Protein backbone atom coordinates (compact mmCIF):
# COMPACT_ATOMS: atom_id res chain seq x y z
CA UNK A 1 125.44 102.03 117.90
CA UNK A 2 123.08 100.42 120.16
CA UNK A 3 120.26 98.75 118.21
CA UNK A 4 116.99 100.16 117.71
CA UNK A 5 114.12 99.34 120.30
CA UNK A 6 111.18 99.83 118.46
CA UNK A 7 109.53 98.67 115.55
CA UNK A 8 109.19 102.28 114.35
CA UNK A 9 112.46 103.23 115.39
CA UNK A 10 113.86 100.07 113.94
CA UNK A 11 112.17 101.37 110.46
CA UNK A 12 113.64 104.41 111.00
CA UNK A 13 117.56 103.56 110.85
CA UNK A 14 117.32 101.73 108.18
CA UNK A 15 115.13 104.60 106.27
CA UNK A 16 117.97 106.57 107.98
CA UNK A 17 121.12 104.25 106.55
CA UNK A 18 119.43 104.19 103.00
CA UNK A 19 119.28 107.32 102.55
CA UNK A 20 122.73 108.03 103.72
CA UNK A 21 123.43 105.00 100.85
CA UNK A 22 121.84 107.21 98.27
CA UNK A 23 123.64 110.41 99.36
CA UNK A 24 126.64 108.73 99.11
CA UNK A 25 126.04 107.60 95.31
CA UNK A 26 125.06 110.94 94.59
CA UNK A 27 128.47 111.91 95.62
CA UNK A 28 129.54 109.08 93.52
CA UNK A 29 127.77 110.28 90.56
CA UNK A 30 128.54 114.05 90.74
CA UNK A 31 132.46 113.09 90.74
CA UNK A 32 132.63 111.58 87.59
CA UNK A 33 134.50 111.46 85.57
CA UNK A 34 137.41 113.34 86.85
CA UNK A 35 136.85 113.55 90.70
CA UNK A 36 136.38 109.79 91.74
CA UNK A 37 136.81 108.48 95.47
CA UNK A 38 138.00 105.76 94.96
CA UNK A 39 137.43 104.81 98.75
CA UNK A 40 133.95 106.20 98.32
CA UNK A 41 133.39 104.05 95.57
CA UNK A 42 134.87 100.47 97.63
CA UNK A 43 133.15 101.07 100.48
CA UNK A 44 129.46 101.86 98.81
CA UNK A 45 130.09 98.77 96.24
CA UNK A 46 130.69 96.85 99.43
CA UNK A 47 127.28 98.12 101.57
CA UNK A 48 124.69 98.62 99.05
CA UNK A 49 123.22 95.14 98.85
CA UNK A 50 124.01 94.38 102.28
CA UNK A 51 121.75 97.07 104.23
CA UNK A 52 119.44 97.13 101.21
CA UNK A 53 118.31 93.65 102.21
CA UNK A 54 118.78 94.29 106.07
CA UNK A 55 116.57 97.33 105.05
CA UNK A 56 114.00 95.21 103.48
CA UNK A 57 113.78 92.37 105.92
CA UNK A 58 113.36 95.09 108.48
CA UNK A 59 110.36 96.31 106.22
CA UNK A 60 109.15 92.97 105.19
CA UNK A 61 108.73 91.84 109.04
CA UNK A 62 107.48 94.74 110.58
CA UNK A 63 105.97 96.99 107.86
CA UNK A 64 104.06 94.92 105.94
CA UNK A 65 102.19 92.90 108.53
CA UNK A 66 101.62 96.55 110.34
CA UNK A 67 99.81 97.84 107.35
CA UNK A 68 97.78 94.80 106.77
CA UNK A 69 96.45 95.37 110.72
CA UNK A 70 96.22 98.84 110.14
CA UNK A 71 94.73 99.11 106.48
CA UNK A 72 92.68 96.17 106.44
CA UNK A 73 91.59 96.43 102.58
CA UNK A 74 92.28 95.45 99.67
CA UNK A 75 94.30 99.13 99.66
CA UNK A 76 96.81 97.51 101.82
CA UNK A 77 97.17 94.09 100.10
CA UNK A 78 98.27 95.85 96.85
CA UNK A 79 99.74 98.23 98.65
CA UNK A 80 101.79 94.99 99.81
CA UNK A 81 102.62 93.62 96.54
CA UNK A 82 103.86 96.79 94.73
CA UNK A 83 106.55 96.99 97.65
CA UNK A 84 107.20 93.70 97.20
CA UNK A 85 107.73 93.91 93.68
CA UNK A 86 110.03 97.47 94.42
CA UNK A 87 112.06 95.37 96.96
CA UNK A 88 112.99 92.60 93.85
CA UNK A 89 113.65 95.58 91.88
CA UNK A 90 115.19 97.15 94.19
CA UNK A 91 117.87 94.64 95.23
CA UNK A 92 118.63 93.26 91.51
CA UNK A 93 119.50 97.26 90.56
CA UNK A 94 121.61 97.68 93.59
CA UNK A 95 123.56 94.11 92.40
CA UNK A 96 123.63 95.86 89.54
CA UNK A 97 124.95 99.13 90.68
CA UNK A 98 128.01 97.04 93.27
CA UNK A 99 128.83 94.89 90.18
CA UNK A 100 129.20 98.55 88.24
CA UNK A 101 131.01 100.24 90.88
CA UNK A 102 133.47 97.05 91.40
CA UNK A 103 134.37 96.80 87.38
CA UNK A 104 135.19 100.95 87.32
CA UNK A 105 137.08 100.25 90.56
CA UNK A 106 139.64 97.72 88.59
CA UNK A 107 138.65 99.65 85.49
CA UNK A 108 137.01 96.54 83.11
CA UNK A 109 133.53 98.90 83.26
CA UNK A 110 132.64 98.84 79.97
CA UNK A 111 130.29 101.59 80.31
CA UNK A 112 130.73 105.61 80.01
CA UNK A 113 130.93 107.47 83.03
CA UNK A 114 127.75 109.34 81.76
CA UNK A 115 126.07 105.98 81.85
CA UNK A 116 127.28 104.63 85.49
CA UNK A 117 125.47 108.36 86.08
CA UNK A 118 122.34 108.02 84.90
CA UNK A 119 122.18 104.35 86.43
CA UNK A 120 123.21 105.73 90.21
CA UNK A 121 120.89 108.19 90.09
CA UNK A 122 118.06 106.51 88.11
CA UNK A 123 118.58 103.55 91.18
CA UNK A 124 119.07 106.55 94.02
CA UNK A 125 115.99 108.76 92.87
CA UNK A 126 114.04 104.94 93.21
CA UNK A 127 115.28 104.15 97.08
CA UNK A 128 115.04 107.77 97.89
CA UNK A 129 110.72 107.88 96.68
CA UNK A 130 110.60 104.02 98.41
CA UNK A 131 111.38 105.47 102.02
CA UNK A 132 109.44 108.58 101.36
CA UNK A 133 106.28 106.67 100.70
CA UNK A 134 106.98 104.01 103.92
CA UNK A 135 107.10 107.07 105.85
CA UNK A 136 103.56 108.60 104.56
CA UNK A 137 102.14 105.46 105.32
CA UNK A 138 103.49 104.83 108.53
CA UNK A 139 102.16 108.53 109.27
CA UNK A 140 99.21 108.00 107.58
CA UNK A 141 98.55 104.57 109.60
CA UNK A 142 100.43 105.41 112.90
CA UNK A 143 103.68 103.76 114.05
CA UNK A 144 104.21 100.08 113.83
CA UNK A 145 104.74 100.10 117.61
CA UNK A 146 100.57 100.70 118.28
CA UNK A 147 100.03 97.80 116.61
CA UNK A 148 100.94 94.74 118.41
């Protein structure tokens, strides 16, 4: 796949990757405890932190400066601070999810399947809300490509 050619395309591409990851996490959560797809579980455990890190990096390099220029108020500063806090929490949660999936694959997970399912659902629902909020901000203020 070719790299995205615009700032907006880069954000959209990363959002699509994150939402795909959320869909796969939901598939895993739905499969617990009897129909776990071990290959999918391994794939998600391997990808979750790099995909999230890459997405957050693009957001921090493209979206945050765009919001500062577009909104130009305390609203943008507060929004950026909130998004930064969410990024930190999401990174920690992604690492926990990856470790939990790996432990489950190795039969060393001390958590019940119900607990793992709730953990996965809580994580992917937060990511989906985060993506939806960022899409709304872009719609509200235009696209990062229009601010240069």
